[in-house]
Protein backbone atom coordinates (compact mmCIF):
# COMPACT_ATOMS: atom_id res chain seq x y z
CA MET A 1 -22.84 -1.08 -16.73
CA ILE A 2 -24.28 2.41 -16.65
CA TRP A 3 -26.62 1.42 -13.80
CA ALA A 4 -23.68 0.22 -11.69
CA SER A 5 -21.73 3.44 -12.15
CA LEU A 6 -24.87 5.52 -11.58
CA GLY A 7 -25.60 3.52 -8.42
CA LYS A 8 -22.07 4.09 -7.14
CA PHE A 9 -22.30 7.80 -7.87
CA VAL A 10 -25.70 8.26 -6.19
CA GLY A 11 -24.78 5.93 -3.32
CA GLY A 12 -21.61 7.91 -2.70
CA LYS A 13 -23.51 11.19 -2.64
CA VAL A 14 -26.19 9.81 -0.31
CA LEU A 15 -23.59 8.32 2.04
CA THR A 16 -21.69 11.62 2.09
CA ALA A 17 -24.89 13.51 2.90
CA ILE A 18 -25.74 11.08 5.73
CA LEU A 19 -22.24 11.42 7.20
CA ILE A 20 -22.36 15.23 7.03
CA VAL A 21 -25.80 15.38 8.68
CA GLY A 22 -24.73 12.84 11.34
CA THR A 23 -21.55 14.74 12.10
CA GLY A 24 -23.42 18.04 12.31
CA ALA A 25 -26.07 16.56 14.59
CA SER A 26 -23.34 15.09 16.84
CA LEU A 27 -21.54 18.41 17.04
CA ILE A 28 -24.76 20.22 17.94
CA TRP A 29 -25.63 17.57 20.56
CA PHE A 30 -22.23 17.71 22.23
CA TRP A 31 -22.20 21.51 22.05
CA ASN A 32 -25.49 21.60 23.98
CA HIS A 33 -24.56 18.75 26.35
CA PRO A 34 -20.87 19.06 27.28
CA GLU A 35 -21.29 16.75 30.30
CA VAL A 36 -22.05 13.87 27.91
CA LEU A 37 -18.86 14.61 26.00
CA ARG A 38 -16.83 14.67 29.23
CA ALA A 39 -18.32 11.32 30.30
CA LEU A 40 -17.59 9.87 26.87
CA TRP A 41 -13.95 10.98 27.02
CA GLU A 42 -13.55 9.62 30.56
CA ASN A 43 -14.81 6.22 29.42
CA LEU A 44 -12.68 6.30 26.31
CA LYS A 45 -9.54 7.12 28.33
CA GLY A 46 -10.23 4.14 30.59
CA VAL A 47 -10.80 1.81 27.64
CA LEU A 48 -7.62 2.93 25.90
CA ALA A 49 -5.60 2.60 29.10
CA TRP A 50 -6.92 -0.94 29.62
CA LEU A 51 -6.27 -1.91 26.00
CA GLY A 52 -2.71 -0.64 26.32
CA PHE A 53 -2.18 -2.54 29.56
CA ALA A 54 -3.73 -5.74 28.23
CA ALA A 55 -1.59 -5.54 25.09
CA VAL A 56 1.70 -4.97 26.93
CA PHE A 57 1.23 -7.13 30.03
CA PRO A 58 1.88 -10.62 28.57
CA TRP A 59 4.95 -9.32 26.73
CA ALA A 60 6.28 -7.72 29.91
CA MET A 61 5.94 -11.08 31.69
CA PHE A 62 8.04 -12.85 29.03
CA PHE A 63 10.01 -14.77 31.66
CA ILE A 64 6.97 -16.57 33.09
CA PRO A 65 6.23 -18.79 30.05
CA ALA A 66 9.87 -19.92 30.16
CA LYS A 67 9.37 -21.16 33.72
CA VAL A 68 6.09 -22.84 32.76
CA ILE A 69 7.81 -24.65 29.87
CA GLU A 70 10.35 -26.06 32.31
CA LEU A 71 7.50 -27.45 34.45
CA GLU A 72 5.96 -29.23 31.43
CA SER A 73 2.53 -29.06 33.05
CA ASN A 74 -0.80 -28.12 31.51
CA ALA A 75 -2.02 -27.13 34.97
CA ALA A 76 0.82 -24.63 35.30
CA ALA A 77 0.06 -23.19 31.85
CA THR A 78 -3.62 -22.90 32.74
CA ALA A 79 -2.79 -21.24 36.04
CA MET A 80 -0.53 -18.76 34.25
CA LEU A 81 -3.24 -17.84 31.71
CA VAL A 82 -5.92 -17.55 34.41
CA GLY A 83 -3.55 -15.36 36.43
CA TYR A 84 -2.96 -13.10 33.44
CA LEU A 85 -6.70 -12.84 32.87
CA LEU A 86 -7.34 -12.04 36.53
CA VAL A 87 -4.78 -9.25 36.42
CA ASP A 88 -6.42 -7.90 33.24
CA ALA A 89 -9.84 -8.03 34.93
CA LEU A 90 -8.60 -6.34 38.11
CA VAL A 91 -7.04 -3.51 36.12
CA ALA A 92 -10.27 -3.08 34.13
CA PHE A 93 -12.38 -2.92 37.29
CA TRP A 94 -9.91 -0.54 38.92
CA LEU A 95 -10.03 1.77 35.88
CA ALA A 96 -13.85 1.66 36.08
CA ASP A 97 -13.76 2.63 39.77
CA TRP A 98 -15.04 -0.86 40.69
CA SER A 99 -18.43 0.02 39.20
CA ILE A 100 -19.68 -1.39 35.90
CA GLN A 101 -23.37 -0.80 35.28
CA GLY A 102 -25.70 -1.75 32.48
CA THR A 103 -26.20 -4.93 30.48
CA LEU A 104 -24.50 -3.63 27.34
CA THR A 105 -21.50 -2.50 29.37
CA TRP A 106 -21.19 -5.94 30.96
CA VAL A 107 -21.42 -7.62 27.55
CA VAL A 108 -18.68 -5.38 26.18
CA VAL A 109 -16.49 -5.94 29.26
CA LEU A 110 -16.94 -9.72 29.07
CA LEU A 111 -16.09 -9.68 25.36
CA GLY A 112 -13.01 -7.65 26.23
CA PHE A 113 -11.99 -10.22 28.83
CA LEU A 114 -12.54 -13.04 26.34
CA THR A 115 -10.44 -11.23 23.76
CA ALA A 116 -7.72 -10.55 26.34
CA GLY A 117 -7.68 -14.23 27.29
CA VAL A 118 -7.24 -15.31 23.67
CA TYR A 119 -4.57 -12.65 23.16
CA ASN A 120 -2.72 -13.80 26.28
CA PHE A 121 -2.83 -17.39 25.02
CA LEU A 122 -1.48 -16.40 21.59
CA VAL A 123 1.32 -14.28 23.06
CA CYS A 124 2.33 -16.98 25.55
CA ASP A 125 2.22 -19.61 22.80
CA PHE A 126 4.46 -17.43 20.63
CA LEU A 127 6.87 -16.80 23.51
CA ALA A 128 6.95 -20.51 24.42
CA THR A 129 7.70 -21.44 20.80
CA ARG A 130 10.52 -18.91 20.68
CA MET A 131 11.91 -20.19 23.99
CA GLU A 132 11.81 -23.80 22.77
CA GLU A 133 13.55 -22.86 19.53
CA SER A 134 16.35 -21.14 21.43
CA LEU A 135 17.01 -24.23 23.57
């Protein structure tokens, strides 16, 4: 029991020291390279703007799933979800000035599109369920 509490105590101190040194090194780096900080903030603003758009867009289009339910067609539902994903992708590319470079960036963007597609499906499924319950 004493070893566990000693390990937690020492681990906590080591982790705190690592975080302090990392934070200090980051501050020194960004102090000496302000252009990197500006580029980081520009990218972060674009990512946050896209996340906000992707989160709000399917809710703002709440009337479309109602029309798709009336059609009772899987093709119409698929077209709606693909359309939502295309709009999400166009907004992302527009926010990135139509230029996405680097393998890691493409992987992150594609994971974002995949996540947006799943989110759109879940929101539309929720809205369709609510519409069916109200009928």
